[in-house]
Amino acid sequence: MPRCSFTACLRGGSGSYMHAAQVLAQNHVFLGDFVEMGVLADPSLMVESVDASTKAPGSFDVTVTAANIAPFVWLETRCVTALSCSAAANSGAHSCHVGSIPGVWSDNGFLLTASSTVMTFTPWNTGVTVDDLKGDLMLTSLYDMYSF
């Protein structure tokens, strides 16, 4: 039996650091372990869309959706190995590259409490396309780290 409900544990506390009416950082204090509470449900995380950002030229807006609260969500570009690129080329694939797309996310390692959120990815190199990013994205949360 859980020691506390998910919402009760989330109510344990959160705080924001604001400057000039803008949230610069937000932190949560959890009053229990998600797994021990028995409230870590499959968030069914999905990347709903990847679009060129209208606010930051050269950047991309990535919309992430979830069916349940998802603790410790992070996005990354996958590292493709030379061996998998060779296999992909032999199977007729048209695009494959070794390495990941280097860049920075607007936020990462976050608690997703809403049904969706938008993260902005800014690549360090020019020439990255929406399709490049779509093909390289990996989406993970705490739920994925446990075998249920």
C-alpha atoms as a PDB file:
ATOM      1  CA  MET A   1       0.000   0.000   0.000  1.00  0.00           C
ATOM      2  CA  PRO A   2       1.381   3.427  -0.924  1.00  0.00           C
ATOM      3  CA  ARG A   3       2.574   5.661   1.899  1.00  0.00           C
ATOM      4  CA  CYS A   4       0.917   8.649   0.223  1.00  0.00           C
ATOM      5  CA  SER A   5      -0.912   9.414  -2.983  1.00  0.00           C
ATOM      6  CA  PHE A   6       0.909  10.885  -5.941  1.00  0.00           C
ATOM      7  CA  THR A   7      -0.908  14.206  -5.624  1.00  0.00           C
ATOM      8  CA  ALA A   8      -0.351  14.339  -1.864  1.00  0.00           C
ATOM      9  CA  CYS A   9       3.347  13.778  -2.358  1.00  0.00           C
ATOM     10  CA  LEU A  10       3.487  16.419  -5.057  1.00  0.00           C
ATOM     11  CA  ARG A  11       1.744  18.816  -2.715  1.00  0.00           C
ATOM     12  CA  GLY A  12       4.734  18.357  -0.468  1.00  0.00           C
ATOM     13  CA  GLY A  13       6.225  21.418  -2.011  1.00  0.00           C
ATOM     14  CA  SER A  14       7.511  23.223  -4.997  1.00  0.00           C
ATOM     15  CA  GLY A  15       9.226  26.515  -5.447  1.00  0.00           C
ATOM     16  CA  SER A  16      10.069  28.888  -8.226  1.00  0.00           C
ATOM     17  CA  TYR A  17      12.831  31.412  -8.598  1.00  0.00           C
ATOM     18  CA  MET A  18      11.515  34.445 -10.433  1.00  0.00           C
ATOM     19  CA  HIS A  19      13.166  37.520 -11.837  1.00  0.00           C
ATOM     20  CA  ALA A  20      11.337  40.338 -13.639  1.00  0.00           C
ATOM     21  CA  ALA A  21       8.085  38.298 -13.666  1.00  0.00           C
ATOM     22  CA  GLN A  22       9.796  35.398 -15.440  1.00  0.00           C
ATOM     23  CA  VAL A  23      10.266  31.948 -13.902  1.00  0.00           C
ATOM     24  CA  LEU A  24      13.981  31.150 -14.082  1.00  0.00           C
ATOM     25  CA  ALA A  25      13.864  27.853 -12.208  1.00  0.00           C
ATOM     26  CA  GLN A  26      11.230  25.645 -10.659  1.00  0.00           C
ATOM     27  CA  ASN A  27      11.945  22.850  -8.223  1.00  0.00           C
ATOM     28  CA  HIS A  28       9.790  20.206  -6.577  1.00  0.00           C
ATOM     29  CA  VAL A  29      10.242  18.436  -3.261  1.00  0.00           C
ATOM     30  CA  PHE A  30       8.916  14.876  -3.258  1.00  0.00           C
ATOM     31  CA  LEU A  31       7.848  13.334   0.020  1.00  0.00           C
ATOM     32  CA  GLY A  32       8.235   9.760  -1.117  1.00  0.00           C
ATOM     33  CA  ASP A  33       9.787   7.440  -3.667  1.00  0.00           C
ATOM     34  CA  PHE A  34       7.649   7.127  -6.818  1.00  0.00           C
ATOM     35  CA  VAL A  35       8.136   3.362  -7.068  1.00  0.00           C
ATOM     36  CA  GLU A  36       7.610   2.687  -3.350  1.00  0.00           C
ATOM     37  CA  MET A  37       4.442   4.808  -3.411  1.00  0.00           C
ATOM     38  CA  GLY A  38       3.123   2.521  -6.122  1.00  0.00           C
ATOM     39  CA  VAL A  39       1.964   5.480  -8.175  1.00  0.00           C
ATOM     40  CA  LEU A  40       4.421   5.396 -11.074  1.00  0.00           C
ATOM     41  CA  ALA A  41       2.121   4.691 -14.030  1.00  0.00           C
ATOM     42  CA  ASP A  42       3.057   4.369 -17.681  1.00  0.00           C
ATOM     43  CA  PRO A  43       2.957   7.968 -18.919  1.00  0.00           C
ATOM     44  CA  SER A  44       2.625   6.847 -22.569  1.00  0.00           C
ATOM     45  CA  LEU A  45       5.065   9.568 -23.582  1.00  0.00           C
ATOM     46  CA  MET A  46       5.057  10.609 -27.221  1.00  0.00           C
ATOM     47  CA  VAL A  47       6.691  13.218 -29.362  1.00  0.00           C
ATOM     48  CA  GLU A  48       3.597  14.719 -30.947  1.00  0.00           C
ATOM     49  CA  SER A  49       5.364  17.137 -33.272  1.00  0.00           C
ATOM     50  CA  VAL A  50       8.676  18.662 -34.246  1.00  0.00           C
ATOM     51  CA  ASP A  51       8.468  22.060 -35.920  1.00  0.00           C
ATOM     52  CA  ALA A  52      10.810  24.887 -36.820  1.00  0.00           C
ATOM     53  CA  SER A  53      10.593  27.405 -33.985  1.00  0.00           C
ATOM     54  CA  THR A  54       8.883  30.693 -34.737  1.00  0.00           C
ATOM     55  CA  LYS A  55      10.457  32.312 -31.664  1.00  0.00           C
ATOM     56  CA  ALA A  56      14.062  31.214 -32.119  1.00  0.00           C
ATOM     57  CA  PRO A  57      15.350  31.005 -35.706  1.00  0.00           C
ATOM     58  CA  GLY A  58      17.398  27.858 -36.314  1.00  0.00           C
ATOM     59  CA  SER A  59      15.754  26.107 -33.357  1.00  0.00           C
ATOM     60  CA  PHE A  60      13.008  23.504 -33.168  1.00  0.00           C
ATOM     61  CA  ASP A  61       9.905  23.219 -30.983  1.00  0.00           C
ATOM     62  CA  VAL A  62       9.273  19.660 -29.826  1.00  0.00           C
ATOM     63  CA  THR A  63       5.817  18.935 -28.400  1.00  0.00           C
ATOM     64  CA  VAL A  64       5.767  16.078 -25.872  1.00  0.00           C
ATOM     65  CA  THR A  65       2.496  14.514 -24.693  1.00  0.00           C
ATOM     66  CA  ALA A  66       1.726  12.213 -21.779  1.00  0.00           C
ATOM     67  CA  ALA A  67      -1.353  10.326 -20.569  1.00  0.00           C
ATOM     68  CA  ASN A  68      -0.163  10.400 -16.938  1.00  0.00           C
ATOM     69  CA  ILE A  69       2.210  12.461 -14.826  1.00  0.00           C
ATOM     70  CA  ALA A  70       5.744  11.682 -15.935  1.00  0.00           C
ATOM     71  CA  PRO A  71       8.614  12.299 -13.521  1.00  0.00           C
ATOM     72  CA  PHE A  72      12.113  13.043 -14.785  1.00  0.00           C
ATOM     73  CA  VAL A  73      11.430  13.278 -18.507  1.00  0.00           C
ATOM     74  CA  TRP A  74      14.390  13.931 -20.733  1.00  0.00           C
ATOM     75  CA  LEU A  75      14.952  14.348 -24.449  1.00  0.00           C
ATOM     76  CA  GLU A  76      18.121  13.557 -26.308  1.00  0.00           C
ATOM     77  CA  THR A  77      19.366  12.821 -29.767  1.00  0.00           C
ATOM     78  CA  ARG A  78      20.432   9.238 -30.175  1.00  0.00           C
ATOM     79  CA  CYS A  79      23.958   8.251 -30.982  1.00  0.00           C
ATOM     80  CA  VAL A  80      23.938   6.140 -34.129  1.00  0.00           C
ATOM     81  CA  THR A  81      26.895   3.777 -34.469  1.00  0.00           C
ATOM     82  CA  ALA A  82      28.907   3.274 -37.621  1.00  0.00           C
ATOM     83  CA  LEU A  83      27.810  -0.397 -37.634  1.00  0.00           C
ATOM     84  CA  SER A  84      24.106   0.491 -37.608  1.00  0.00           C
ATOM     85  CA  CYS A  85      24.692   3.079 -40.361  1.00  0.00           C
ATOM     86  CA  SER A  86      26.384   0.420 -42.469  1.00  0.00           C
ATOM     87  CA  ALA A  87      23.454  -1.945 -41.924  1.00  0.00           C
ATOM     88  CA  ALA A  88      20.982   0.825 -42.753  1.00  0.00           C
ATOM     89  CA  ALA A  89      22.840   1.676 -45.971  1.00  0.00           C
ATOM     90  CA  ASN A  90      22.806  -1.991 -46.991  1.00  0.00           C
ATOM     91  CA  SER A  91      19.029  -2.082 -46.453  1.00  0.00           C
ATOM     92  CA  GLY A  92      18.501   0.902 -48.780  1.00  0.00           C
ATOM     93  CA  ALA A  93      18.166   3.662 -46.162  1.00  0.00           C
ATOM     94  CA  HIS A  94      18.845   7.100 -47.601  1.00  0.00           C
ATOM     95  CA  SER A  95      19.992   8.945 -44.505  1.00  0.00           C
ATOM     96  CA  CYS A  96      22.123   7.848 -41.628  1.00  0.00           C
ATOM     97  CA  HIS A  97      24.888   9.533 -39.703  1.00  0.00           C
ATOM     98  CA  VAL A  98      27.243   8.596 -36.935  1.00  0.00           C
ATOM     99  CA  GLY A  99      26.812  10.561 -33.729  1.00  0.00           C
ATOM    100  CA  SER A 100      24.017  12.664 -32.421  1.00  0.00           C
ATOM    101  CA  ILE A 101      22.893  16.174 -33.209  1.00  0.00           C
ATOM    102  CA  PRO A 102      24.749  18.345 -30.700  1.00  0.00           C
ATOM    103  CA  GLY A 103      22.728  21.140 -29.189  1.00  0.00           C
ATOM    104  CA  VAL A 104      20.908  22.399 -26.132  1.00  0.00           C
ATOM    105  CA  TRP A 105      17.341  21.942 -24.822  1.00  0.00           C
ATOM    106  CA  SER A 106      15.280  24.704 -23.212  1.00  0.00           C
ATOM    107  CA  ASP A 107      14.674  22.310 -20.309  1.00  0.00           C
ATOM    108  CA  ASN A 108      15.543  18.708 -19.638  1.00  0.00           C
ATOM    109  CA  GLY A 109      15.058  16.302 -16.763  1.00  0.00           C
ATOM    110  CA  PHE A 110      11.685  17.821 -15.924  1.00  0.00           C
ATOM    111  CA  LEU A 111       8.469  16.763 -14.207  1.00  0.00           C
ATOM    112  CA  LEU A 112       5.668  16.625 -16.787  1.00  0.00           C
ATOM    113  CA  THR A 113       2.385  17.240 -14.966  1.00  0.00           C
ATOM    114  CA  ALA A 114       0.397  18.652 -17.898  1.00  0.00           C
ATOM    115  CA  SER A 115      -0.888  16.572 -20.802  1.00  0.00           C
ATOM    116  CA  SER A 116       1.640  18.269 -23.089  1.00  0.00           C
ATOM    117  CA  THR A 117       4.597  20.607 -23.087  1.00  0.00           C
ATOM    118  CA  VAL A 118       6.836  22.207 -25.685  1.00  0.00           C
ATOM    119  CA  MET A 119      10.617  22.053 -25.423  1.00  0.00           C
ATOM    120  CA  THR A 120      12.907  24.022 -27.718  1.00  0.00           C
ATOM    121  CA  PHE A 121      16.034  22.406 -29.162  1.00  0.00           C
ATOM    122  CA  THR A 122      18.806  24.630 -30.498  1.00  0.00           C
ATOM    123  CA  PRO A 123      21.403  22.715 -32.520  1.00  0.00           C
ATOM    124  CA  TRP A 124      24.985  23.863 -32.364  1.00  0.00           C
ATOM    125  CA  ASN A 125      25.468  23.221 -36.075  1.00  0.00           C
ATOM    126  CA  THR A 126      23.587  24.799 -38.961  1.00  0.00           C
ATOM    127  CA  GLY A 127      21.838  22.727 -41.595  1.00  0.00           C
ATOM    128  CA  VAL A 128      19.824  20.514 -39.207  1.00  0.00           C
ATOM    129  CA  THR A 129      16.342  19.831 -40.582  1.00  0.00           C
ATOM    130  CA  VAL A 130      13.068  18.889 -38.918  1.00  0.00           C
ATOM    131  CA  ASP A 131      13.422  15.387 -40.402  1.00  0.00           C
ATOM    132  CA  ASP A 132      16.979  15.068 -39.018  1.00  0.00           C
ATOM    133  CA  LEU A 133      15.745  15.866 -35.528  1.00  0.00           C
ATOM    134  CA  LYS A 134      12.652  13.649 -35.802  1.00  0.00           C
ATOM    135  CA  GLY A 135      14.868  10.731 -36.780  1.00  0.00           C
ATOM    136  CA  ASP A 136      17.260  11.232 -33.886  1.00  0.00           C
ATOM    137  CA  LEU A 137      14.950  12.011 -30.948  1.00  0.00           C
ATOM    138  CA  MET A 138      14.797   9.801 -27.893  1.00  0.00           C
ATOM    139  CA  LEU A 139      12.244  10.445 -25.140  1.00  0.00           C
ATOM    140  CA  THR A 140      12.706   8.823 -21.736  1.00  0.00           C
ATOM    141  CA  SER A 141      11.260   9.111 -18.239  1.00  0.00           C
ATOM    142  CA  LEU A 142      11.728   7.528 -14.840  1.00  0.00           C
ATOM    143  CA  TYR A 143       9.089   4.948 -15.793  1.00  0.00           C
ATOM    144  CA  ASP A 144      11.363   3.657 -18.563  1.00  0.00           C
ATOM    145  CA  MET A 145      14.149   2.943 -16.053  1.00  0.00           C
ATOM    146  CA  TYR A 146      12.106   0.290 -14.206  1.00  0.00           C
ATOM    147  CA  SER A 147      10.866  -3.106 -15.405  1.00  0.00           C
ATOM    148  CA  PHE A 148       7.223  -3.386 -14.491  1.00  0.00           C
END
